[in-house]
Amino acid sequence: MREIKFNLTLPMTSLQKVRAYAAQAESLGFYSVSLGDHLYVRVPHLSWGPQVPHLECFMTLSWIAACTRRVRLVPLVAVIPFRSPALLAKMTSTIDHISGGRLIAGLGSGWFREEFEAYGYGTPSDGERIERMAEAIRVLKAMWTEEEPSYKGRYYTINRAYNFPKPVQKPHPPIMIGGAGKKVMEIAAREAAIVNVVASSSAGKFGKPQLKARIAMLHDFARAAGRDPDSIEISGFPFVFISRDQAQADAMAAKIAQRNGFGDVDEARQSPGLLLGTPAEIRRELRSRIDEFGMTYYMVSLPDAQAVELFAAEVMPEFAGQR
């Protein structure tokens, strides 16, 4: 069993806030921090729309790399169609140097169609976006490792696209692929060190049975590709709502269950996209997920700095040093 690791998802509304949360994560012992790769977001139940400030992922990540010393840095996850993979190879190599070798290369195909249309990226189908991701990974690996990288594919072509300096990490930064679809699992089984199996936090979309089936599918694809399934780390992305007070924790869980369309609180507590309750309840649920799914890397999203402190003080120590 791997070390149990926790990542703090950083807010992206202001530089002051993102830096404060990154510093908090580093001081409290989080393994990594992450930034989402969106150009704007729309979250109706939080009244978030395109007018809410939203910093660009890689510019902000490079700044956080310079402001921190220990935590690893994760774009969660880079939307491949937003950038040429050749440029992305140069950007990620540079951030790996700025950070002294702390980058985890989170990659994905994207999903927010409104964002694609608004910024002029067109409306590529799911299949095309996933094919682009597969090709982009080949470009990235070539540019990270080869002296005179060249590649010709359906969507991307490079010809002696020199990339110096190479990343600090050898042979290259670890690749995390985010998603849960069959084709994504097949690509991840070939290419990824880490798979962030994205599960919805809403009712009726992606529960524990579906999560278990997707991990089994990933393992089957890994064997077919000649890889040991245990060489791929399983990661989750839960939204965490935590309170030390039992009554407050129960009320919070009931509110989230109703808002997200669950029939009751128990159903919401079983959602892979949520962690609800007191520190003791969340510790038990994490232990269950570790045992049942082999999930060892949690990209947690917490609502405020106080919740971050509570999670770090009363949940994370239970798993410190455990493998």
C-alpha atoms as a PDB file:
ATOM      1  CA  MET A   1       0.000   0.000   0.000  1.00  0.00           C
ATOM      2  CA  ARG A   2       1.205   3.485  -0.851  1.00  0.00           C
ATOM      3  CA  GLU A   3       1.552   6.414   1.498  1.00  0.00           C
ATOM      4  CA  ILE A   4      -1.813   8.106   2.077  1.00  0.00           C
ATOM      5  CA  LYS A   5      -1.607  11.615   0.643  1.00  0.00           C
ATOM      6  CA  PHE A   6      -3.782  14.717   0.741  1.00  0.00           C
ATOM      7  CA  ASN A   7      -3.904  17.575  -1.749  1.00  0.00           C
ATOM      8  CA  LEU A   8      -5.544  20.913  -1.050  1.00  0.00           C
ATOM      9  CA  THR A   9      -7.503  22.427  -3.928  1.00  0.00           C
ATOM     10  CA  LEU A  10      -6.739  26.144  -3.942  1.00  0.00           C
ATOM     11  CA  PRO A  11      -9.294  28.930  -4.499  1.00  0.00           C
ATOM     12  CA  MET A  12      -8.651  30.938  -7.643  1.00  0.00           C
ATOM     13  CA  THR A  13     -10.509  34.208  -7.116  1.00  0.00           C
ATOM     14  CA  SER A  14      -7.520  36.308  -6.032  1.00  0.00           C
ATOM     15  CA  LEU A  15      -3.741  36.082  -5.742  1.00  0.00           C
ATOM     16  CA  GLN A  16      -3.897  36.946  -2.058  1.00  0.00           C
ATOM     17  CA  LYS A  17      -6.279  34.101  -1.306  1.00  0.00           C
ATOM     18  CA  VAL A  18      -4.501  31.490  -3.411  1.00  0.00           C
ATOM     19  CA  ARG A  19      -1.160  32.353  -1.815  1.00  0.00           C
ATOM     20  CA  ALA A  20      -2.603  32.255   1.711  1.00  0.00           C
ATOM     21  CA  TYR A  21      -4.139  28.814   1.131  1.00  0.00           C
ATOM     22  CA  ALA A  22      -0.928  27.498  -0.445  1.00  0.00           C
ATOM     23  CA  ALA A  23       1.094  28.686   2.546  1.00  0.00           C
ATOM     24  CA  GLN A  24      -1.471  27.128   4.880  1.00  0.00           C
ATOM     25  CA  ALA A  25      -1.290  23.820   3.016  1.00  0.00           C
ATOM     26  CA  GLU A  26       2.492  23.777   3.192  1.00  0.00           C
ATOM     27  CA  SER A  27       2.585  24.549   6.908  1.00  0.00           C
ATOM     28  CA  LEU A  28      -0.097  21.965   7.756  1.00  0.00           C
ATOM     29  CA  GLY A  29       1.548  19.058   5.953  1.00  0.00           C
ATOM     30  CA  PHE A  30      -0.520  18.621   2.799  1.00  0.00           C
ATOM     31  CA  TYR A  31       1.379  16.638   0.168  1.00  0.00           C
ATOM     32  CA  SER A  32       0.352  18.873  -2.722  1.00  0.00           C
ATOM     33  CA  VAL A  33      -1.768  21.809  -3.826  1.00  0.00           C
ATOM     34  CA  SER A  34      -3.770  22.050  -7.028  1.00  0.00           C
ATOM     35  CA  LEU A  35      -5.407  24.576  -9.312  1.00  0.00           C
ATOM     36  CA  GLY A  36      -8.246  23.893 -11.696  1.00  0.00           C
ATOM     37  CA  ASP A  37      -7.753  24.660 -15.372  1.00  0.00           C
ATOM     38  CA  HIS A  38     -10.832  26.666 -16.309  1.00  0.00           C
ATOM     39  CA  LEU A  39     -11.110  30.053 -17.955  1.00  0.00           C
ATOM     40  CA  TYR A  40     -14.285  30.727 -16.026  1.00  0.00           C
ATOM     41  CA  VAL A  41     -16.685  28.608 -14.026  1.00  0.00           C
ATOM     42  CA  ARG A  42     -20.423  28.345 -13.567  1.00  0.00           C
ATOM     43  CA  VAL A  43     -21.706  26.826 -10.312  1.00  0.00           C
ATOM     44  CA  PRO A  44     -25.405  27.753  -9.981  1.00  0.00           C
ATOM     45  CA  HIS A  45     -25.938  26.528  -6.412  1.00  0.00           C
ATOM     46  CA  LEU A  46     -23.064  28.765  -5.254  1.00  0.00           C
ATOM     47  CA  SER A  47     -24.159  31.683  -7.446  1.00  0.00           C
ATOM     48  CA  TRP A  48     -20.839  31.516  -9.291  1.00  0.00           C
ATOM     49  CA  GLY A  49     -20.866  32.667 -12.882  1.00  0.00           C
ATOM     50  CA  PRO A  50     -18.499  34.037 -15.519  1.00  0.00           C
ATOM     51  CA  GLN A  51     -18.208  37.377 -13.722  1.00  0.00           C
ATOM     52  CA  VAL A  52     -16.572  35.786 -10.660  1.00  0.00           C
ATOM     53  CA  PRO A  53     -12.780  36.345 -10.888  1.00  0.00           C
ATOM     54  CA  HIS A  54     -10.902  33.205 -11.932  1.00  0.00           C
ATOM     55  CA  LEU A  55      -7.123  33.182 -12.337  1.00  0.00           C
ATOM     56  CA  GLU A  56      -5.395  31.311 -15.166  1.00  0.00           C
ATOM     57  CA  CYS A  57      -4.034  27.965 -14.015  1.00  0.00           C
ATOM     58  CA  PHE A  58      -0.434  27.848 -15.219  1.00  0.00           C
ATOM     59  CA  MET A  59       0.458  31.489 -14.646  1.00  0.00           C
ATOM     60  CA  THR A  60      -0.794  31.137 -11.080  1.00  0.00           C
ATOM     61  CA  LEU A  61       0.864  27.737 -10.588  1.00  0.00           C
ATOM     62  CA  SER A  62       4.251  29.169 -11.579  1.00  0.00           C
ATOM     63  CA  TRP A  63       3.816  31.937  -9.004  1.00  0.00           C
ATOM     64  CA  ILE A  64       2.862  29.436  -6.299  1.00  0.00           C
ATOM     65  CA  ALA A  65       5.911  27.363  -7.261  1.00  0.00           C
ATOM     66  CA  ALA A  66       8.080  30.366  -6.404  1.00  0.00           C
ATOM     67  CA  CYS A  67       6.174  31.063  -3.162  1.00  0.00           C
ATOM     68  CA  THR A  68       6.464  27.524  -1.721  1.00  0.00           C
ATOM     69  CA  ARG A  69       9.289  25.137  -0.894  1.00  0.00           C
ATOM     70  CA  ARG A  70       7.853  21.675  -0.199  1.00  0.00           C
ATOM     71  CA  VAL A  71       4.351  20.990  -1.517  1.00  0.00           C
ATOM     72  CA  ARG A  72       3.979  19.386  -4.912  1.00  0.00           C
ATOM     73  CA  LEU A  73       2.059  21.321  -7.581  1.00  0.00           C
ATOM     74  CA  VAL A  74      -0.802  19.946  -9.646  1.00  0.00           C
ATOM     75  CA  PRO A  75      -2.866  21.420 -12.470  1.00  0.00           C
ATOM     76  CA  LEU A  76      -6.129  19.552 -11.822  1.00  0.00           C
ATOM     77  CA  VAL A  77      -6.255  18.956 -14.703  1.00  0.00           C
ATOM     78  CA  ALA A  78      -4.740  20.754 -17.712  1.00  0.00           C
ATOM     79  CA  VAL A  79      -7.329  20.904 -20.502  1.00  0.00           C
ATOM     80  CA  ILE A  80      -5.369  19.667 -23.500  1.00  0.00           C
ATOM     81  CA  PRO A  81      -7.354  21.486 -26.258  1.00  0.00           C
ATOM     82  CA  PHE A  82      -6.643  24.880 -24.609  1.00  0.00           C
ATOM     83  CA  ARG A  83      -2.937  24.799 -25.544  1.00  0.00           C
ATOM     84  CA  SER A  84      -0.587  23.319 -28.073  1.00  0.00           C
ATOM     85  CA  PRO A  85       0.999  20.269 -26.385  1.00  0.00           C
ATOM     86  CA  ALA A  86       4.401  21.518 -27.570  1.00  0.00           C
ATOM     87  CA  LEU A  87       3.847  24.769 -25.678  1.00  0.00           C
ATOM     88  CA  LEU A  88       2.494  22.799 -22.711  1.00  0.00           C
ATOM     89  CA  ALA A  89       5.690  20.717 -22.686  1.00  0.00           C
ATOM     90  CA  LYS A  90       7.734  23.925 -22.461  1.00  0.00           C
ATOM     91  CA  MET A  91       5.471  25.369 -19.753  1.00  0.00           C
ATOM     92  CA  THR A  92       5.539  22.252 -17.595  1.00  0.00           C
ATOM     93  CA  SER A  93       9.302  21.872 -17.979  1.00  0.00           C
ATOM     94  CA  THR A  94       9.741  25.462 -16.835  1.00  0.00           C
ATOM     95  CA  ILE A  95       7.452  25.049 -13.819  1.00  0.00           C
ATOM     96  CA  ASP A  96       9.338  21.893 -12.858  1.00  0.00           C
ATOM     97  CA  HIS A  97      12.502  24.025 -12.752  1.00  0.00           C
ATOM     98  CA  ILE A  98      10.889  26.910 -10.875  1.00  0.00           C
ATOM     99  CA  SER A  99       9.647  24.449  -8.252  1.00  0.00           C
ATOM    100  CA  GLY A 100      12.806  22.368  -8.025  1.00  0.00           C
ATOM    101  CA  GLY A 101      11.097  19.253  -9.387  1.00  0.00           C
ATOM    102  CA  ARG A 102       7.721  19.394  -7.661  1.00  0.00           C
ATOM    103  CA  LEU A 103       5.299  19.306 -10.605  1.00  0.00           C
ATOM    104  CA  ILE A 104       2.707  16.585 -11.127  1.00  0.00           C
ATOM    105  CA  ALA A 105       1.443  16.879 -14.694  1.00  0.00           C
ATOM    106  CA  GLY A 106      -2.321  16.630 -14.368  1.00  0.00           C
ATOM    107  CA  LEU A 107      -3.881  16.158 -17.818  1.00  0.00           C
ATOM    108  CA  GLY A 108      -7.448  15.903 -19.088  1.00  0.00           C
ATOM    109  CA  SER A 109      -9.568  16.311 -22.188  1.00  0.00           C
ATOM    110  CA  GLY A 110     -11.914  19.018 -20.836  1.00  0.00           C
ATOM    111  CA  TRP A 111     -15.681  18.900 -20.472  1.00  0.00           C
ATOM    112  CA  PHE A 112     -17.187  22.404 -20.013  1.00  0.00           C
ATOM    113  CA  ARG A 113     -18.675  23.010 -23.463  1.00  0.00           C
ATOM    114  CA  GLU A 114     -19.791  26.565 -22.702  1.00  0.00           C
ATOM    115  CA  GLU A 115     -16.195  27.510 -21.958  1.00  0.00           C
ATOM    116  CA  PHE A 116     -14.926  26.000 -25.230  1.00  0.00           C
ATOM    117  CA  GLU A 117     -17.481  27.945 -27.247  1.00  0.00           C
ATOM    118  CA  ALA A 118     -16.947  31.224 -25.397  1.00  0.00           C
ATOM    119  CA  TYR A 119     -13.185  31.237 -25.959  1.00  0.00           C
ATOM    120  CA  GLY A 120     -13.266  30.161 -29.586  1.00  0.00           C
ATOM    121  CA  TYR A 121     -12.135  26.553 -29.186  1.00  0.00           C
ATOM    122  CA  GLY A 122     -15.128  25.268 -31.120  1.00  0.00           C
ATOM    123  CA  THR A 123     -17.180  22.283 -30.016  1.00  0.00           C
ATOM    124  CA  PRO A 124     -14.998  19.198 -30.432  1.00  0.00           C
ATOM    125  CA  SER A 125     -16.776  15.954 -29.628  1.00  0.00           C
ATOM    126  CA  ASP A 126     -15.909  13.909 -26.549  1.00  0.00           C
ATOM    127  CA  GLY A 127     -14.147  11.428 -28.791  1.00  0.00           C
ATOM    128  CA  GLU A 128     -12.027  14.088 -30.492  1.00  0.00           C
ATOM    129  CA  ARG A 129     -11.010  15.711 -27.215  1.00  0.00           C
ATOM    130  CA  ILE A 130      -9.928  12.344 -25.814  1.00  0.00           C
ATOM    131  CA  GLU A 131      -7.991  11.493 -28.990  1.00  0.00           C
ATOM    132  CA  ARG A 132      -6.268  14.868 -28.742  1.00  0.00           C
ATOM    133  CA  MET A 133      -5.277  14.064 -25.165  1.00  0.00           C
ATOM    134  CA  ALA A 134      -3.767  10.725 -26.224  1.00  0.00           C
ATOM    135  CA  GLU A 135      -1.714  12.406 -28.957  1.00  0.00           C
ATOM    136  CA  ALA A 136      -0.711  15.265 -26.683  1.00  0.00           C
ATOM    137  CA  ILE A 137       0.743  12.844 -24.141  1.00  0.00           C
ATOM    138  CA  ARG A 138       2.987  11.399 -26.851  1.00  0.00           C
ATOM    139  CA  VAL A 139       4.152  14.917 -27.737  1.00  0.00           C
ATOM    140  CA  LEU A 140       4.764  15.770 -24.089  1.00  0.00           C
ATOM    141  CA  LYS A 141       6.770  12.628 -23.396  1.00  0.00           C
ATOM    142  CA  ALA A 142       8.856  13.154 -26.532  1.00  0.00           C
ATOM    143  CA  MET A 143       9.654  16.740 -25.631  1.00  0.00           C
ATOM    144  CA  TRP A 144      10.366  15.917 -22.000  1.00  0.00           C
ATOM    145  CA  THR A 145      12.818  13.123 -22.852  1.00  0.00           C
ATOM    146  CA  GLU A 146      14.193  13.320 -26.418  1.00  0.00           C
ATOM    147  CA  GLU A 147      16.987  15.486 -27.767  1.00  0.00           C
ATOM    148  CA  GLU A 148      15.286  16.237 -31.106  1.00  0.00           C
ATOM    149  CA  PRO A 149      11.622  15.395 -30.526  1.00  0.00           C
ATOM    150  CA  SER A 150       9.441  14.872 -33.579  1.00  0.00           C
ATOM    151  CA  TYR A 151       5.923  13.483 -33.905  1.00  0.00           C
ATOM    152  CA  LYS A 152       3.250  13.404 -36.593  1.00  0.00           C
ATOM    153  CA  GLY A 153      -0.313  12.591 -35.646  1.00  0.00           C
ATOM    154  CA  ARG A 154      -3.832  13.418 -36.724  1.00  0.00           C
ATOM    155  CA  TYR A 155      -4.103  16.518 -34.555  1.00  0.00           C
ATOM    156  CA  TYR A 156      -0.549  17.474 -33.581  1.00  0.00           C
ATOM    157  CA  THR A 157       2.778  17.566 -35.381  1.00  0.00           C
ATOM    158  CA  ILE A 158       6.204  18.637 -34.131  1.00  0.00           C
ATOM    159  CA  ASN A 159       9.496  18.580 -35.994  1.00  0.00           C
ATOM    160  CA  ARG A 160      12.668  18.895 -33.949  1.00  0.00           C
ATOM    161  CA  ALA A 161      10.794  20.816 -31.279  1.00  0.00           C
ATOM    162  CA  TYR A 162      13.766  21.350 -29.000  1.00  0.00           C
ATOM    163  CA  ASN A 163      12.918  21.605 -25.337  1.00  0.00           C
ATOM    164  CA  PHE A 164      15.785  22.699 -23.123  1.00  0.00           C
ATOM    165  CA  PRO A 165      16.106  22.566 -20.245  1.00  0.00           C
ATOM    166  CA  LYS A 166      14.402  19.220 -19.774  1.00  0.00           C
ATOM    167  CA  PRO A 167      12.287  18.774 -16.628  1.00  0.00           C
ATOM    168  CA  VAL A 168      14.129  18.291 -13.346  1.00  0.00           C
ATOM    169  CA  GLN A 169      12.275  15.023 -12.685  1.00  0.00           C
ATOM    170  CA  LYS A 170      13.500  12.024 -14.669  1.00  0.00           C
ATOM    171  CA  PRO A 171      12.436  10.668 -17.004  1.00  0.00           C
ATOM    172  CA  HIS A 172       9.680  13.299 -16.671  1.00  0.00           C
ATOM    173  CA  PRO A 173       7.123  14.643 -14.167  1.00  0.00           C
ATOM    174  CA  PRO A 174       4.570  12.037 -13.079  1.00  0.00           C
ATOM    175  CA  ILE A 175       1.440  12.124 -15.214  1.00  0.00           C
ATOM    176  CA  MET A 176      -1.968  12.273 -13.568  1.00  0.00           C
ATOM    177  CA  ILE A 177      -4.941  11.721 -15.872  1.00  0.00           C
ATOM    178  CA  GLY A 178      -8.362  12.864 -14.734  1.00  0.00           C
ATOM    179  CA  GLY A 179     -11.641  11.311 -15.852  1.00  0.00           C
ATOM    180  CA  ALA A 180     -13.706   8.149 -15.640  1.00  0.00           C
ATOM    181  CA  GLY A 181     -14.801   7.187 -19.159  1.00  0.00           C
ATOM    182  CA  LYS A 182     -13.776   3.917 -20.791  1.00  0.00           C
ATOM    183  CA  LYS A 183     -11.453   5.477 -23.370  1.00  0.00           C
ATOM    184  CA  VAL A 184      -9.861   7.710 -20.726  1.00  0.00           C
ATOM    185  CA  MET A 185      -9.241   4.649 -18.543  1.00  0.00           C
ATOM    186  CA  GLU A 186      -7.586   2.892 -21.485  1.00  0.00           C
ATOM    187  CA  ILE A 187      -5.238   5.830 -22.131  1.00  0.00           C
ATOM    188  CA  ALA A 188      -4.498   6.209 -18.420  1.00  0.00           C
ATOM    189  CA  ALA A 189      -3.653   2.519 -18.152  1.00  0.00           C
ATOM    190  CA  ARG A 190      -0.917   3.037 -20.752  1.00  0.00           C
ATOM    191  CA  GLU A 191       0.376   6.443 -19.776  1.00  0.00           C
ATOM    192  CA  ALA A 192      -0.434   7.561 -16.222  1.00  0.00           C
ATOM    193  CA  ALA A 193       1.321   7.229 -12.895  1.00  0.00           C
ATOM    194  CA  ILE A 194      -1.824   8.503 -11.159  1.00  0.00           C
ATOM    195  CA  VAL A 195      -5.474   8.351 -12.180  1.00  0.00           C
ATOM    196  CA  ASN A 196      -7.884  10.816 -10.626  1.00  0.00           C
ATOM    197  CA  VAL A 197     -11.173   8.963 -11.028  1.00  0.00           C
ATOM    198  CA  VAL A 198     -13.647  11.812 -11.195  1.00  0.00           C
ATOM    199  CA  ALA A 199     -16.928  11.058  -9.435  1.00  0.00           C
ATOM    200  CA  SER A 200     -19.897  13.415  -9.340  1.00  0.00           C
ATOM    201  CA  SER A 201     -20.978  14.888  -6.004  1.00  0.00           C
ATOM    202  CA  SER A 202     -24.616  14.827  -7.170  1.00  0.00           C
ATOM    203  CA  ALA A 203     -27.123  12.008  -6.799  1.00  0.00           C
ATOM    204  CA  GLY A 204     -27.639   9.268  -9.349  1.00  0.00           C
ATOM    205  CA  LYS A 205     -24.539   9.870 -11.461  1.00  0.00           C
ATOM    206  CA  PHE A 206     -21.528   7.991 -10.120  1.00  0.00           C
ATOM    207  CA  GLY A 207     -21.670   5.967  -6.923  1.00  0.00           C
ATOM    208  CA  LYS A 208     -19.368   3.472  -5.278  1.00  0.00           C
ATOM    209  CA  PRO A 209     -20.410   0.558  -7.527  1.00  0.00           C
ATOM    210  CA  GLN A 210     -19.494   2.615 -10.599  1.00  0.00           C
ATOM    211  CA  LEU A 211     -16.205   3.665  -8.997  1.00  0.00           C
ATOM    212  CA  LYS A 212     -15.308   0.058  -8.253  1.00  0.00           C
ATOM    213  CA  ALA A 213     -16.151  -0.968 -11.815  1.00  0.00           C
ATOM    214  CA  ARG A 214     -14.033   1.827 -13.311  1.00  0.00           C
ATOM    215  CA  ILE A 215     -11.009   0.898 -11.204  1.00  0.00           C
ATOM    216  CA  ALA A 216     -11.407  -2.750 -12.258  1.00  0.00           C
ATOM    217  CA  MET A 217     -11.593  -1.596 -15.887  1.00  0.00           C
ATOM    218  CA  LEU A 218      -8.434   0.473 -15.429  1.00  0.00           C
ATOM    219  CA  HIS A 219      -6.639  -2.559 -13.997  1.00  0.00           C
ATOM    220  CA  ASP A 220      -7.764  -4.741 -16.917  1.00  0.00           C
ATOM    221  CA  PHE A 221      -6.493  -2.168 -19.410  1.00  0.00           C
ATOM    222  CA  ALA A 222      -3.188  -1.937 -17.503  1.00  0.00           C
ATOM    223  CA  ARG A 223      -2.655  -5.702 -17.741  1.00  0.00           C
ATOM    224  CA  ALA A 224      -3.470  -5.590 -21.459  1.00  0.00           C
ATOM    225  CA  ALA A 225      -0.847  -2.855 -21.854  1.00  0.00           C
ATOM    226  CA  GLY A 226       1.743  -4.968 -20.030  1.00  0.00           C
ATOM    227  CA  ARG A 227       1.697  -2.878 -16.855  1.00  0.00           C
ATOM    228  CA  ASP A 228       1.265  -3.925 -13.247  1.00  0.00           C
ATOM    229  CA  PRO A 229      -2.071  -2.430 -12.123  1.00  0.00           C
ATOM    230  CA  ASP A 230      -0.519  -1.669  -8.746  1.00  0.00           C
ATOM    231  CA  SER A 231       1.934   0.690 -10.470  1.00  0.00           C
ATOM    232  CA  ILE A 232      -0.950   3.139 -11.032  1.00  0.00           C
ATOM    233  CA  GLU A 233      -2.031   5.206  -8.053  1.00  0.00           C
ATOM    234  CA  ILE A 234      -5.762   5.766  -7.561  1.00  0.00           C
ATOM    235  CA  SER A 235      -6.862   9.269  -6.630  1.00  0.00           C
ATOM    236  CA  GLY A 236     -10.214  10.807  -5.719  1.00  0.00           C
ATOM    237  CA  PHE A 237     -11.596  14.352  -5.723  1.00  0.00           C
ATOM    238  CA  PRO A 238     -14.070  14.755  -2.826  1.00  0.00           C
ATOM    239  CA  PHE A 239     -15.747  17.934  -1.640  1.00  0.00           C
ATOM    240  CA  VAL A 240     -15.334  17.928   2.149  1.00  0.00           C
ATOM    241  CA  PHE A 241     -17.829  19.384   4.614  1.00  0.00           C
ATOM    242  CA  ILE A 242     -16.558  18.952   8.153  1.00  0.00           C
ATOM    243  CA  SER A 243     -17.478  20.154  11.645  1.00  0.00           C
ATOM    244  CA  ARG A 244     -16.269  19.114  15.085  1.00  0.00           C
ATOM    245  CA  ASP A 245     -19.806  19.579  16.441  1.00  0.00           C
ATOM    246  CA  GLN A 246     -22.037  16.573  15.711  1.00  0.00           C
ATOM    247  CA  ALA A 247     -25.260  18.548  15.416  1.00  0.00           C
ATOM    248  CA  GLN A 248     -23.666  21.059  13.072  1.00  0.00           C
ATOM    249  CA  ALA A 249     -22.081  18.262  11.020  1.00  0.00           C
ATOM    250  CA  ASP A 250     -25.445  16.504  10.698  1.00  0.00           C
ATOM    251  CA  ALA A 251     -27.191  19.718   9.669  1.00  0.00           C
ATOM    252  CA  MET A 252     -24.483  20.440   7.103  1.00  0.00           C
ATOM    253  CA  ALA A 253     -24.741  16.919   5.683  1.00  0.00           C
ATOM    254  CA  ALA A 254     -28.532  17.203   5.430  1.00  0.00           C
ATOM    255  CA  LYS A 255     -28.226  20.502   3.576  1.00  0.00           C
ATOM    256  CA  ILE A 256     -25.681  19.097   1.098  1.00  0.00           C
ATOM    257  CA  ALA A 257     -27.761  15.952   0.572  1.00  0.00           C
ATOM    258  CA  GLN A 258     -30.851  18.013  -0.274  1.00  0.00           C
ATOM    259  CA  ARG A 259     -28.964  20.483  -2.466  1.00  0.00           C
ATOM    260  CA  ASN A 260     -27.271  17.721  -4.467  1.00  0.00           C
ATOM    261  CA  GLY A 261     -30.426  15.686  -4.974  1.00  0.00           C
ATOM    262  CA  PHE A 262     -29.792  12.713  -2.684  1.00  0.00           C
ATOM    263  CA  GLY A 263     -32.702  10.851  -1.136  1.00  0.00           C
ATOM    264  CA  ASP A 264     -31.199  11.058   2.337  1.00  0.00           C
ATOM    265  CA  VAL A 265     -28.022  11.837   4.211  1.00  0.00           C
ATOM    266  CA  ASP A 266     -26.816   8.230   4.257  1.00  0.00           C
ATOM    267  CA  GLU A 267     -26.948   8.141   0.462  1.00  0.00           C
ATOM    268  CA  ALA A 268     -24.950  11.378   0.282  1.00  0.00           C
ATOM    269  CA  ARG A 269     -22.344  10.033   2.699  1.00  0.00           C
ATOM    270  CA  GLN A 270     -21.767   7.118   0.303  1.00  0.00           C
ATOM    271  CA  SER A 271     -21.055   9.379  -2.677  1.00  0.00           C
ATOM    272  CA  PRO A 272     -17.395   9.126  -3.779  1.00  0.00           C
ATOM    273  CA  GLY A 273     -17.529  12.838  -4.589  1.00  0.00           C
ATOM    274  CA  LEU A 274     -18.280  13.863  -1.000  1.00  0.00           C
ATOM    275  CA  LEU A 275     -16.867  13.510   2.505  1.00  0.00           C
ATOM    276  CA  LEU A 276     -19.384  14.611   5.141  1.00  0.00           C
ATOM    277  CA  GLY A 277     -19.409  14.669   8.932  1.00  0.00           C
ATOM    278  CA  THR A 278     -17.261  15.023  11.996  1.00  0.00           C
ATOM    279  CA  PRO A 279     -13.537  14.317  11.842  1.00  0.00           C
ATOM    280  CA  ALA A 280     -14.157  10.826  13.251  1.00  0.00           C
ATOM    281  CA  GLU A 281     -16.821  10.087  10.621  1.00  0.00           C
ATOM    282  CA  ILE A 282     -14.595  11.328   7.820  1.00  0.00           C
ATOM    283  CA  ARG A 283     -11.665   9.268   9.097  1.00  0.00           C
ATOM    284  CA  ARG A 284     -13.831   6.143   9.044  1.00  0.00           C
ATOM    285  CA  GLU A 285     -15.069   6.856   5.526  1.00  0.00           C
ATOM    286  CA  LEU A 286     -11.540   7.469   4.269  1.00  0.00           C
ATOM    287  CA  ARG A 287     -10.371   4.206   5.805  1.00  0.00           C
ATOM    288  CA  SER A 288     -13.244   2.439   4.056  1.00  0.00           C
ATOM    289  CA  ARG A 289     -12.277   3.918   0.677  1.00  0.00           C
ATOM    290  CA  ILE A 290      -8.632   3.025   1.156  1.00  0.00           C
ATOM    291  CA  ASP A 291      -9.535  -0.567   1.995  1.00  0.00           C
ATOM    292  CA  GLU A 292     -12.238  -1.031  -0.654  1.00  0.00           C
ATOM    293  CA  PHE A 293     -10.769   0.853  -3.611  1.00  0.00           C
ATOM    294  CA  GLY A 294      -7.064   1.155  -2.871  1.00  0.00           C
ATOM    295  CA  MET A 295      -7.528   4.917  -3.168  1.00  0.00           C
ATOM    296  CA  THR A 296      -4.541   6.601  -1.561  1.00  0.00           C
ATOM    297  CA  TYR A 297      -4.397  10.178  -2.912  1.00  0.00           C
ATOM    298  CA  TYR A 298      -7.216  12.589  -2.028  1.00  0.00           C
ATOM    299  CA  MET A 299      -7.573  15.922  -3.828  1.00  0.00           C
ATOM    300  CA  VAL A 300      -9.786  17.529  -1.205  1.00  0.00           C
ATOM    301  CA  SER A 301     -11.807  20.695  -1.662  1.00  0.00           C
ATOM    302  CA  LEU A 302     -12.661  22.461   1.605  1.00  0.00           C
ATOM    303  CA  PRO A 303     -14.967  25.477   1.986  1.00  0.00           C
ATOM    304  CA  ASP A 304     -12.796  27.792   4.100  1.00  0.00           C
ATOM    305  CA  ALA A 305      -9.537  28.172   6.003  1.00  0.00           C
ATOM    306  CA  GLN A 306     -11.089  26.972   9.273  1.00  0.00           C
ATOM    307  CA  ALA A 307     -12.197  23.736   7.627  1.00  0.00           C
ATOM    308  CA  VAL A 308      -8.682  23.290   6.226  1.00  0.00           C
ATOM    309  CA  GLU A 309      -7.240  23.656   9.740  1.00  0.00           C
ATOM    310  CA  LEU A 310      -9.721  21.174  11.209  1.00  0.00           C
ATOM    311  CA  PHE A 311      -9.149  18.600   8.472  1.00  0.00           C
ATOM    312  CA  ALA A 312      -5.365  18.862   8.849  1.00  0.00           C
ATOM    313  CA  ALA A 313      -5.491  18.684  12.644  1.00  0.00           C
ATOM    314  CA  GLU A 314      -8.050  15.919  13.166  1.00  0.00           C
ATOM    315  CA  VAL A 315      -8.183  13.838   9.981  1.00  0.00           C
ATOM    316  CA  MET A 316      -4.745  13.784   8.347  1.00  0.00           C
ATOM    317  CA  PRO A 317      -2.697  12.637  11.389  1.00  0.00           C
ATOM    318  CA  GLU A 318      -4.632   9.333  11.422  1.00  0.00           C
ATOM    319  CA  PHE A 319      -3.010   8.469   8.099  1.00  0.00           C
ATOM    320  CA  ALA A 320       0.438  10.045   8.499  1.00  0.00           C
ATOM    321  CA  GLY A 321       3.202   7.639   7.540  1.00  0.00           C
ATOM    322  CA  GLN A 322       0.747   4.849   6.718  1.00  0.00           C
ATOM    323  CA  ARG A 323       1.264   2.686   3.676  1.00  0.00           C
END
